[in-house]
Amino acid sequence: MPIYTYRCTSCVIDRDVRQSIHDDPLTECPSCRGPVKKVIHAAGVTFNGSGFYRTDSRSGSAPE
């Protein structure tokens, strides 16, 4: 089950909430009842392999 982070705009506290993707998003802070916004985090990206080289897409010798 995914964990979503919500930030209260009144008390400025972040909360991690475990929710199903079918649940409605939170709209109010459980502490102060202020409005909350979902915090978007960058996704982790991993590039595996040996990489790309200058000569990978060229055929024959380089022009002079």
C-alpha atoms as a PDB file:
ATOM      1  CA  MET A   1       0.000   0.000   0.000  1.00  0.00           C
ATOM      2  CA  PRO A   2       1.503   3.385  -0.976  1.00  0.00           C
ATOM      3  CA  ILE A   3       2.555   6.004   1.560  1.00  0.00           C
ATOM      4  CA  TYR A   4       1.610   9.598   0.768  1.00  0.00           C
ATOM      5  CA  THR A   5       2.997  12.727   2.425  1.00  0.00           C
ATOM      6  CA  TYR A   6       0.616  15.554   3.295  1.00  0.00           C
ATOM      7  CA  ARG A   7       1.639  19.029   4.545  1.00  0.00           C
ATOM      8  CA  CYS A   8      -0.725  21.116   6.655  1.00  0.00           C
ATOM      9  CA  THR A   9      -0.863  24.737   5.498  1.00  0.00           C
ATOM     10  CA  SER A  10      -1.842  25.953   8.974  1.00  0.00           C
ATOM     11  CA  CYS A  11       0.509  24.172  11.390  1.00  0.00           C
ATOM     12  CA  VAL A  12       3.132  23.337   8.672  1.00  0.00           C
ATOM     13  CA  ILE A  13       3.592  19.726   9.789  1.00  0.00           C
ATOM     14  CA  ASP A  14       4.271  16.887   7.343  1.00  0.00           C
ATOM     15  CA  ARG A  15       2.455  13.598   7.848  1.00  0.00           C
ATOM     16  CA  ASP A  16       3.012  10.285   6.093  1.00  0.00           C
ATOM     17  CA  VAL A  17      -0.238   8.410   5.550  1.00  0.00           C
ATOM     18  CA  ARG A  18      -0.569   4.853   4.261  1.00  0.00           C
ATOM     19  CA  GLN A  19      -3.517   4.846   1.859  1.00  0.00           C
ATOM     20  CA  SER A  20      -4.909   2.676  -0.867  1.00  0.00           C
ATOM     21  CA  ILE A  21      -4.996   4.221  -4.322  1.00  0.00           C
ATOM     22  CA  HIS A  22      -8.781   3.879  -4.115  1.00  0.00           C
ATOM     23  CA  ASP A  23      -9.063   6.004  -0.930  1.00  0.00           C
ATOM     24  CA  ASP A  24      -9.980   9.666  -1.196  1.00  0.00           C
ATOM     25  CA  PRO A  25      -7.068  12.054  -0.504  1.00  0.00           C
ATOM     26  CA  LEU A  26      -6.957  13.829   2.853  1.00  0.00           C
ATOM     27  CA  THR A  27      -8.421  17.326   2.912  1.00  0.00           C
ATOM     28  CA  GLU A  28      -7.877  18.393   6.524  1.00  0.00           C
ATOM     29  CA  CYS A  29      -5.158  18.033   9.157  1.00  0.00           C
ATOM     30  CA  PRO A  30      -6.012  15.540  11.910  1.00  0.00           C
ATOM     31  CA  SER A  31      -4.424  17.841  14.548  1.00  0.00           C
ATOM     32  CA  CYS A  32      -5.651  21.356  13.799  1.00  0.00           C
ATOM     33  CA  ARG A  33      -8.321  20.662  11.115  1.00  0.00           C
ATOM     34  CA  GLY A  34      -6.514  23.022   8.702  1.00  0.00           C
ATOM     35  CA  PRO A  35      -6.280  22.347   4.962  1.00  0.00           C
ATOM     36  CA  VAL A  36      -3.573  19.949   3.722  1.00  0.00           C
ATOM     37  CA  LYS A  37      -1.770  19.543   0.401  1.00  0.00           C
ATOM     38  CA  LYS A  38      -0.176  16.417  -0.991  1.00  0.00           C
ATOM     39  CA  VAL A  39       3.624  16.668  -1.233  1.00  0.00           C
ATOM     40  CA  ILE A  40       5.108  15.399  -4.487  1.00  0.00           C
ATOM     41  CA  HIS A  41       8.525  13.709  -4.191  1.00  0.00           C
ATOM     42  CA  ALA A  42      10.972  13.087  -7.004  1.00  0.00           C
ATOM     43  CA  ALA A  43      11.091   9.473  -8.130  1.00  0.00           C
ATOM     44  CA  GLY A  44      14.357   7.614  -7.813  1.00  0.00           C
ATOM     45  CA  VAL A  45      15.871   6.734 -11.179  1.00  0.00           C
ATOM     46  CA  THR A  46      18.641   4.184 -11.681  1.00  0.00           C
ATOM     47  CA  PHE A  47      20.525   3.826 -14.950  1.00  0.00           C
ATOM     48  CA  ASN A  48      22.138   0.405 -15.245  1.00  0.00           C
ATOM     49  CA  GLY A  49      24.521  -0.812 -17.898  1.00  0.00           C
ATOM     50  CA  SER A  50      27.784   0.214 -19.439  1.00  0.00           C
ATOM     51  CA  GLY A  51      26.493   3.520 -20.791  1.00  0.00           C
ATOM     52  CA  PHE A  52      26.560   5.068 -24.229  1.00  0.00           C
ATOM     53  CA  TYR A  53      29.582   5.942 -26.285  1.00  0.00           C
ATOM     54  CA  ARG A  54      30.153   8.370 -29.102  1.00  0.00           C
ATOM     55  CA  THR A  55      30.685   5.564 -31.567  1.00  0.00           C
ATOM     56  CA  ASP A  56      27.559   3.529 -30.723  1.00  0.00           C
ATOM     57  CA  SER A  57      25.322   5.019 -33.427  1.00  0.00           C
ATOM     58  CA  ARG A  58      27.921   5.654 -36.123  1.00  0.00           C
ATOM     59  CA  SER A  59      28.866   3.374 -38.918  1.00  0.00           C
ATOM     60  CA  GLY A  60      32.179   3.473 -40.738  1.00  0.00           C
ATOM     61  CA  SER A  61      34.906   6.019 -40.130  1.00  0.00           C
ATOM     62  CA  ALA A  62      34.383   9.596 -39.040  1.00  0.00           C
ATOM     63  CA  PRO A  63      34.430  12.285 -41.800  1.00  0.00           C
ATOM     64  CA  GLU A  64      37.563  14.372 -42.006  1.00  0.00           C
END
